[in-house]
Amino acid sequence: MNDNSAYQNDQIVACLRALRETVDKLQELLGAPLEDTMQRFYRRRRDLLTRLYATGGLDQKGLFALLDEHDTPHQWIGQQVKSGFIEKFPRPSGKDLYVATHKAVEDLNLQEEASALVSASDETFTTDWDSPEDTAYDRL
């Protein structure tokens, strides 16, 4: 019995060791891609909320178009509302306006990125406004 018991214990220890090595290997294989996936998720959320904040809000159609442009499912809206990063405001036109919340602006530092986004847009608009092609319309 004693020899059998020692043999079983050795087998158990060997199996546990093999299991531990397998788990460690799985964590190693999944660890980096999982971190990359989470970083991409958070970066995309920040980018989308920055765009939403910079525009001053979008109606559902505009928000859906933005999400589609970034290959993001529409359920994302509900997740962000639940997290307190997006609010929905009813408007007299009947089209609700979706805006980035103060929490999103503060927690994700959206102000700086939105300012950079708006200034780049303003620069493009100003350049286009003063272009020779535009002067043709000034004479109309």
N, C-alpha and C. Protein backbone atom coordinates (compact mmCIF):
# COMPACT_ATOMS: atom_id res chain seq x y z
N MET A 1 0.80 -1.20 0.00
CA MET A 1 0.00 0.00 0.00
C MET A 1 0.85 1.26 0.00
N ASN A 2 1.89 1.23 0.77
CA ASN A 2 2.75 2.38 0.90
C ASN A 2 3.39 2.74 -0.43
N ASP A 3 3.87 1.71 -1.19
CA ASP A 3 4.47 1.96 -2.49
C ASP A 3 3.43 2.53 -3.45
N ASN A 4 2.21 2.02 -3.41
CA ASN A 4 1.13 2.50 -4.27
C ASN A 4 0.76 3.94 -3.92
N SER A 5 0.71 4.24 -2.66
CA SER A 5 0.37 5.59 -2.21
C SER A 5 1.44 6.59 -2.63
N ALA A 6 2.69 6.21 -2.51
CA ALA A 6 3.79 7.09 -2.92
C ALA A 6 3.75 7.31 -4.42
N TYR A 7 3.44 6.24 -5.18
CA TYR A 7 3.34 6.34 -6.63
C TYR A 7 2.22 7.30 -7.03
N GLN A 8 1.05 7.18 -6.36
CA GLN A 8 -0.08 8.07 -6.64
C GLN A 8 0.27 9.52 -6.33
N ASN A 9 0.95 9.73 -5.22
CA ASN A 9 1.36 11.09 -4.86
C ASN A 9 2.31 11.67 -5.91
N ASP A 10 3.23 10.86 -6.39
CA ASP A 10 4.16 11.32 -7.43
C ASP A 10 3.40 11.69 -8.70
N GLN A 11 2.40 10.85 -9.05
CA GLN A 11 1.59 11.14 -10.24
C GLN A 11 0.80 12.43 -10.06
N ILE A 12 0.24 12.62 -8.88
CA ILE A 12 -0.53 13.83 -8.60
C ILE A 12 0.37 15.05 -8.71
N VAL A 13 1.53 14.99 -8.12
CA VAL A 13 2.48 16.11 -8.17
C VAL A 13 2.89 16.38 -9.62
N ALA A 14 3.15 15.33 -10.37
CA ALA A 14 3.54 15.49 -11.78
C ALA A 14 2.41 16.12 -12.59
N CYS A 15 1.20 15.69 -12.36
CA CYS A 15 0.04 16.26 -13.06
C CYS A 15 -0.16 17.72 -12.68
N LEU A 16 -0.05 18.03 -11.40
CA LEU A 16 -0.20 19.41 -10.95
C LEU A 16 0.89 20.30 -11.56
N ARG A 17 2.12 19.77 -11.61
CA ARG A 17 3.22 20.53 -12.20
C ARG A 17 2.95 20.78 -13.69
N ALA A 18 2.49 19.76 -14.40
CA ALA A 18 2.18 19.89 -15.82
C ALA A 18 1.03 20.88 -16.03
N LEU A 19 0.04 20.81 -15.15
CA LEU A 19 -1.08 21.73 -15.23
C LEU A 19 -0.62 23.17 -15.00
N ARG A 20 0.23 23.37 -14.00
CA ARG A 20 0.77 24.70 -13.70
C ARG A 20 1.55 25.25 -14.89
N GLU A 21 2.38 24.40 -15.51
CA GLU A 21 3.16 24.82 -16.68
C GLU A 21 2.24 25.19 -17.84
N THR A 22 1.18 24.42 -18.02
CA THR A 22 0.22 24.70 -19.09
C THR A 22 -0.50 26.02 -18.84
N VAL A 23 -0.93 26.24 -17.61
CA VAL A 23 -1.59 27.50 -17.26
C VAL A 23 -0.64 28.67 -17.46
N ASP A 24 0.60 28.54 -17.03
CA ASP A 24 1.59 29.60 -17.23
C ASP A 24 1.80 29.90 -18.71
N LYS A 25 1.87 28.84 -19.51
CA LYS A 25 2.06 29.03 -20.95
C LYS A 25 0.85 29.73 -21.57
N LEU A 26 -0.35 29.33 -21.16
CA LEU A 26 -1.56 29.98 -21.66
C LEU A 26 -1.59 31.46 -21.27
N GLN A 27 -1.23 31.76 -20.04
CA GLN A 27 -1.20 33.16 -19.61
C GLN A 27 -0.19 33.95 -20.42
N GLU A 28 0.93 33.34 -20.70
CA GLU A 28 1.96 34.00 -21.51
C GLU A 28 1.45 34.28 -22.92
N LEU A 29 0.78 33.29 -23.50
CA LEU A 29 0.26 33.45 -24.85
C LEU A 29 -0.88 34.45 -24.92
N LEU A 30 -1.75 34.45 -23.92
CA LEU A 30 -2.90 35.33 -23.92
C LEU A 30 -2.62 36.69 -23.30
N GLY A 31 -1.61 36.79 -22.47
CA GLY A 31 -1.34 38.02 -21.74
C GLY A 31 -1.10 39.23 -22.62
N ALA A 32 -0.17 39.17 -23.53
CA ALA A 32 0.17 40.31 -24.37
C ALA A 32 -0.97 40.70 -25.31
N PRO A 33 -1.54 39.74 -26.05
CA PRO A 33 -2.64 40.14 -26.93
C PRO A 33 -3.83 40.70 -26.15
N LEU A 34 -4.11 40.18 -24.97
CA LEU A 34 -5.22 40.69 -24.18
C LEU A 34 -4.96 42.13 -23.77
N GLU A 35 -3.74 42.43 -23.37
CA GLU A 35 -3.39 43.81 -23.03
C GLU A 35 -3.53 44.71 -24.24
N ASP A 36 -3.02 44.24 -25.39
CA ASP A 36 -3.13 45.02 -26.62
C ASP A 36 -4.59 45.27 -26.96
N THR A 37 -5.42 44.26 -26.82
CA THR A 37 -6.84 44.40 -27.11
C THR A 37 -7.48 45.42 -26.19
N MET A 38 -7.16 45.38 -24.91
CA MET A 38 -7.73 46.34 -23.96
C MET A 38 -7.24 47.75 -24.26
N GLN A 39 -5.98 47.89 -24.60
CA GLN A 39 -5.45 49.21 -24.93
C GLN A 39 -6.13 49.76 -26.17
N ARG A 40 -6.34 48.91 -27.17
CA ARG A 40 -7.05 49.35 -28.38
C ARG A 40 -8.48 49.74 -28.05
N PHE A 41 -9.13 48.95 -27.19
CA PHE A 41 -10.50 49.25 -26.79
C PHE A 41 -10.57 50.62 -26.12
N TYR A 42 -9.69 50.87 -25.15
CA TYR A 42 -9.72 52.14 -24.44
C TYR A 42 -9.34 53.31 -25.35
N ARG A 43 -8.40 53.09 -26.26
CA ARG A 43 -8.02 54.15 -27.19
C ARG A 43 -9.17 54.48 -28.12
N ARG A 44 -9.85 53.45 -28.62
CA ARG A 44 -10.99 53.69 -29.52
C ARG A 44 -12.10 54.41 -28.77
N ARG A 45 -12.36 54.02 -27.52
CA ARG A 45 -13.39 54.70 -26.73
C ARG A 45 -13.03 56.17 -26.56
N ARG A 46 -11.77 56.42 -26.25
CA ARG A 46 -11.34 57.80 -26.07
C ARG A 46 -11.46 58.59 -27.37
N ASP A 47 -11.07 57.99 -28.49
CA ASP A 47 -11.18 58.66 -29.78
C ASP A 47 -12.63 58.98 -30.12
N LEU A 48 -13.51 58.02 -29.92
CA LEU A 48 -14.92 58.24 -30.24
C LEU A 48 -15.53 59.31 -29.33
N LEU A 49 -15.22 59.24 -28.05
CA LEU A 49 -15.76 60.25 -27.13
C LEU A 49 -15.17 61.63 -27.41
N THR A 50 -13.92 61.68 -27.84
CA THR A 50 -13.31 62.96 -28.21
C THR A 50 -14.04 63.56 -29.40
N ARG A 51 -14.31 62.73 -30.40
CA ARG A 51 -15.04 63.22 -31.58
C ARG A 51 -16.43 63.68 -31.19
N LEU A 52 -17.09 62.94 -30.32
CA LEU A 52 -18.43 63.31 -29.86
C LEU A 52 -18.37 64.64 -29.11
N TYR A 53 -17.39 64.79 -28.26
CA TYR A 53 -17.23 66.02 -27.48
C TYR A 53 -16.90 67.21 -28.39
N ALA A 54 -16.00 67.00 -29.34
CA ALA A 54 -15.58 68.08 -30.24
C ALA A 54 -16.73 68.60 -31.10
N THR A 55 -17.65 67.72 -31.45
CA THR A 55 -18.78 68.15 -32.29
C THR A 55 -19.88 68.81 -31.48
N GLY A 56 -19.82 68.70 -30.16
CA GLY A 56 -20.88 69.26 -29.33
C GLY A 56 -22.06 68.32 -29.19
N GLY A 57 -21.93 67.12 -29.73
CA GLY A 57 -23.01 66.12 -29.65
C GLY A 57 -23.49 65.74 -31.02
N LEU A 58 -24.06 64.55 -31.10
CA LEU A 58 -24.59 64.04 -32.37
C LEU A 58 -25.96 63.43 -32.14
N ASP A 59 -26.79 63.46 -33.17
CA ASP A 59 -28.05 62.73 -33.08
C ASP A 59 -27.75 61.26 -33.32
N GLN A 60 -28.76 60.42 -33.19
CA GLN A 60 -28.55 58.98 -33.29
C GLN A 60 -27.96 58.60 -34.65
N LYS A 61 -28.46 59.18 -35.70
CA LYS A 61 -27.97 58.86 -37.04
C LYS A 61 -26.48 59.21 -37.17
N GLY A 62 -26.11 60.38 -36.69
CA GLY A 62 -24.71 60.81 -36.74
C GLY A 62 -23.81 59.94 -35.89
N LEU A 63 -24.30 59.57 -34.71
CA LEU A 63 -23.52 58.71 -33.82
C LEU A 63 -23.36 57.32 -34.42
N PHE A 64 -24.42 56.79 -35.01
CA PHE A 64 -24.33 55.48 -35.67
C PHE A 64 -23.30 55.54 -36.81
N ALA A 65 -23.31 56.62 -37.58
CA ALA A 65 -22.36 56.76 -38.68
C ALA A 65 -20.92 56.79 -38.15
N LEU A 66 -20.70 57.51 -37.04
CA LEU A 66 -19.39 57.57 -36.42
C LEU A 66 -18.94 56.18 -35.96
N LEU A 67 -19.84 55.45 -35.32
CA LEU A 67 -19.53 54.10 -34.85
C LEU A 67 -19.24 53.17 -36.02
N ASP A 68 -20.04 53.28 -37.08
CA ASP A 68 -19.83 52.43 -38.25
C ASP A 68 -18.46 52.72 -38.89
N GLU A 69 -18.09 53.99 -38.91
CA GLU A 69 -16.80 54.40 -39.47
C GLU A 69 -15.64 53.75 -38.71
N HIS A 70 -15.84 53.49 -37.42
CA HIS A 70 -14.80 52.89 -36.58
C HIS A 70 -15.06 51.41 -36.27
N ASP A 71 -15.94 50.78 -37.06
CA ASP A 71 -16.26 49.36 -36.87
C ASP A 71 -16.60 49.02 -35.43
N THR A 72 -17.45 49.85 -34.84
CA THR A 72 -17.86 49.68 -33.45
C THR A 72 -19.35 49.37 -33.42
N PRO A 73 -19.74 48.32 -32.71
CA PRO A 73 -21.18 47.98 -32.64
C PRO A 73 -21.97 49.09 -31.94
N HIS A 74 -23.21 49.23 -32.34
CA HIS A 74 -24.08 50.27 -31.79
C HIS A 74 -24.37 50.07 -30.31
N GLN A 75 -24.19 48.86 -29.80
CA GLN A 75 -24.39 48.59 -28.38
C GLN A 75 -23.38 49.37 -27.53
N TRP A 76 -22.33 49.84 -28.15
CA TRP A 76 -21.31 50.63 -27.47
C TRP A 76 -21.96 51.84 -26.78
N ILE A 77 -22.97 52.40 -27.41
CA ILE A 77 -23.64 53.58 -26.85
C ILE A 77 -24.20 53.25 -25.47
N GLY A 78 -24.91 52.15 -25.37
CA GLY A 78 -25.50 51.75 -24.09
C GLY A 78 -24.44 51.52 -23.02
N GLN A 79 -23.31 50.93 -23.43
CA GLN A 79 -22.23 50.70 -22.48
C GLN A 79 -21.67 52.01 -21.95
N GLN A 80 -21.56 53.00 -22.84
CA GLN A 80 -21.00 54.29 -22.42
C GLN A 80 -22.01 55.10 -21.60
N VAL A 81 -23.29 54.95 -21.90
CA VAL A 81 -24.33 55.60 -21.08
C VAL A 81 -24.29 54.99 -19.68
N LYS A 82 -24.21 53.67 -19.61
CA LYS A 82 -24.15 52.97 -18.32
C LYS A 82 -22.92 53.37 -17.52
N SER A 83 -21.79 53.60 -18.21
CA SER A 83 -20.55 54.01 -17.56
C SER A 83 -20.54 55.48 -17.18
N GLY A 84 -21.52 56.22 -17.66
CA GLY A 84 -21.59 57.65 -17.35
C GLY A 84 -20.76 58.52 -18.26
N PHE A 85 -20.35 58.00 -19.43
CA PHE A 85 -19.54 58.77 -20.36
C PHE A 85 -20.36 59.44 -21.46
N ILE A 86 -21.59 59.00 -21.67
CA ILE A 86 -22.47 59.61 -22.66
C ILE A 86 -23.82 59.86 -22.01
N GLU A 87 -24.42 61.01 -22.36
CA GLU A 87 -25.78 61.32 -21.95
C GLU A 87 -26.62 61.57 -23.19
N LYS A 88 -27.89 61.27 -23.08
CA LYS A 88 -28.83 61.48 -24.18
C LYS A 88 -29.81 62.57 -23.75
N PHE A 89 -29.90 63.61 -24.57
CA PHE A 89 -30.80 64.72 -24.27
C PHE A 89 -31.89 64.81 -25.33
N PRO A 90 -33.14 64.88 -24.91
CA PRO A 90 -34.22 65.05 -25.89
C PRO A 90 -34.21 66.49 -26.42
N ARG A 91 -34.53 66.63 -27.69
CA ARG A 91 -34.61 67.97 -28.30
C ARG A 91 -36.02 68.16 -28.84
N PRO A 92 -36.43 69.41 -29.01
CA PRO A 92 -37.77 69.67 -29.52
C PRO A 92 -38.03 69.07 -30.90
N SER A 93 -36.97 68.88 -31.68
CA SER A 93 -37.12 68.30 -33.02
C SER A 93 -37.50 66.82 -32.96
N GLY A 94 -37.37 66.24 -31.78
CA GLY A 94 -37.67 64.82 -31.64
C GLY A 94 -36.44 63.94 -31.79
N LYS A 95 -35.34 64.52 -32.27
CA LYS A 95 -34.09 63.77 -32.42
C LYS A 95 -33.25 64.01 -31.17
N ASP A 96 -33.00 62.94 -30.45
CA ASP A 96 -32.19 63.05 -29.23
C ASP A 96 -30.75 63.40 -29.59
N LEU A 97 -30.10 64.12 -28.69
CA LEU A 97 -28.71 64.50 -28.87
C LEU A 97 -27.86 63.70 -27.89
N TYR A 98 -26.83 63.05 -28.39
CA TYR A 98 -25.90 62.28 -27.56
C TYR A 98 -24.65 63.13 -27.36
N VAL A 99 -24.26 63.33 -26.10
CA VAL A 99 -23.11 64.17 -25.78
C VAL A 99 -22.18 63.44 -24.81
N ALA A 100 -20.91 63.82 -24.86
CA ALA A 100 -19.94 63.31 -23.88
C ALA A 100 -20.19 64.04 -22.56
N THR A 101 -20.17 63.32 -21.48
CA THR A 101 -20.46 63.90 -20.16
C THR A 101 -19.22 64.58 -19.59
N HIS A 102 -19.47 65.35 -18.55
CA HIS A 102 -18.38 66.00 -17.82
C HIS A 102 -17.42 64.94 -17.28
N LYS A 103 -17.98 63.82 -16.82
CA LYS A 103 -17.16 62.71 -16.31
C LYS A 103 -16.20 62.22 -17.40
N ALA A 104 -16.69 62.05 -18.62
CA ALA A 104 -15.85 61.59 -19.72
C ALA A 104 -14.75 62.60 -20.03
N VAL A 105 -15.12 63.86 -20.04
CA VAL A 105 -14.15 64.92 -20.33
C VAL A 105 -13.04 64.94 -19.28
N GLU A 106 -13.43 64.84 -18.02
CA GLU A 106 -12.46 64.88 -16.92
C GLU A 106 -11.65 63.59 -16.83
N ASP A 107 -12.31 62.45 -16.80
CA ASP A 107 -11.63 61.17 -16.61
C ASP A 107 -10.69 60.82 -17.76
N LEU A 108 -11.10 61.16 -18.98
CA LEU A 108 -10.33 60.76 -20.16
C LEU A 108 -9.54 61.91 -20.78
N ASN A 109 -9.55 63.07 -20.11
CA ASN A 109 -8.82 64.25 -20.60
C ASN A 109 -9.18 64.56 -22.06
N LEU A 110 -10.45 64.64 -22.35
CA LEU A 110 -10.90 64.85 -23.73
C LEU A 110 -10.68 66.28 -24.20
N GLN A 111 -10.61 67.22 -23.28
CA GLN A 111 -10.50 68.64 -23.64
C GLN A 111 -9.30 68.90 -24.55
N GLU A 112 -8.15 68.38 -24.15
CA GLU A 112 -6.92 68.63 -24.91
C GLU A 112 -6.99 68.03 -26.31
N GLU A 113 -7.44 66.78 -26.40
CA GLU A 113 -7.53 66.13 -27.71
C GLU A 113 -8.59 66.80 -28.58
N ALA A 114 -9.71 67.17 -27.98
CA ALA A 114 -10.77 67.83 -28.75
C ALA A 114 -10.29 69.17 -29.27
N SER A 115 -9.55 69.91 -28.46
CA SER A 115 -9.01 71.21 -28.89
C SER A 115 -8.07 71.03 -30.07
N ALA A 116 -7.22 70.02 -30.01
CA ALA A 116 -6.30 69.73 -31.12
C ALA A 116 -7.08 69.35 -32.37
N LEU A 117 -8.12 68.56 -32.19
CA LEU A 117 -8.95 68.13 -33.32
C LEU A 117 -9.65 69.33 -33.95
N VAL A 118 -10.21 70.20 -33.12
CA VAL A 118 -10.93 71.38 -33.62
C VAL A 118 -9.96 72.35 -34.29
N SER A 119 -8.77 72.56 -33.70
CA SER A 119 -7.82 73.50 -34.30
C SER A 119 -7.32 72.98 -35.65
N ALA A 120 -7.12 71.68 -35.78
CA ALA A 120 -6.73 71.12 -37.08
C ALA A 120 -7.84 71.32 -38.09
N SER A 121 -9.07 71.15 -37.66
CA SER A 121 -10.22 71.37 -38.54
C SER A 121 -10.33 72.84 -38.92
N ASP A 122 -10.14 73.73 -37.95
CA ASP A 122 -10.20 75.17 -38.23
C ASP A 122 -9.11 75.59 -39.21
N GLU A 123 -7.92 75.02 -39.04
CA GLU A 123 -6.81 75.35 -39.93
C GLU A 123 -7.13 74.94 -41.36
N THR A 124 -7.68 73.76 -41.53
CA THR A 124 -8.07 73.29 -42.86
C THR A 124 -9.16 74.18 -43.44
N PHE A 125 -10.13 74.54 -42.63
CA PHE A 125 -11.22 75.39 -43.09
C PHE A 125 -10.70 76.76 -43.51
N THR A 126 -9.82 77.35 -42.70
CA THR A 126 -9.27 78.68 -43.01
C THR A 126 -8.46 78.63 -44.29
N THR A 127 -7.65 77.61 -44.45
CA THR A 127 -6.84 77.46 -45.66
C THR A 127 -7.75 77.34 -46.87
N ASP A 128 -8.78 76.54 -46.76
CA ASP A 128 -9.71 76.35 -47.86
C ASP A 128 -10.49 77.64 -48.12
N TRP A 129 -10.85 78.35 -47.09
CA TRP A 129 -11.64 79.57 -47.20
C TRP A 129 -10.88 80.63 -48.00
N ASP A 130 -9.55 80.67 -47.81
CA ASP A 130 -8.72 81.67 -48.48
C ASP A 130 -8.11 81.15 -49.78
N SER A 131 -8.52 80.00 -50.25
CA SER A 131 -7.92 79.41 -51.44
C SER A 131 -8.36 80.15 -52.70
N PRO A 132 -7.54 80.07 -53.75
CA PRO A 132 -7.93 80.70 -55.02
C PRO A 132 -9.23 80.14 -55.59
N GLU A 133 -9.48 78.85 -55.34
CA GLU A 133 -10.72 78.25 -55.83
C GLU A 133 -11.94 78.89 -55.18
N ASP A 134 -11.77 79.26 -53.93
CA ASP A 134 -12.89 79.85 -53.19
C ASP A 134 -13.19 81.27 -53.65
N THR A 135 -12.19 81.99 -54.14
CA THR A 135 -12.41 83.39 -54.58
C THR A 135 -13.39 83.44 -55.73
N ALA A 136 -13.48 82.39 -56.51
CA ALA A 136 -14.47 82.36 -57.59
C ALA A 136 -15.88 82.48 -57.05
N TYR A 137 -16.11 81.90 -55.87
CA TYR A 137 -17.44 81.99 -55.26
C TYR A 137 -17.68 83.35 -54.61
N ASP A 138 -16.61 84.03 -54.25
CA ASP A 138 -16.76 85.35 -53.63
C ASP A 138 -17.37 86.36 -54.60
N ARG A 139 -17.17 86.16 -55.89
CA ARG A 139 -17.68 87.09 -56.91
C ARG A 139 -19.14 86.83 -57.25
N LEU A 140 -19.71 85.75 -56.78
CA LEU A 140 -21.11 85.42 -57.12
C LEU A 140 -22.09 86.26 -56.37
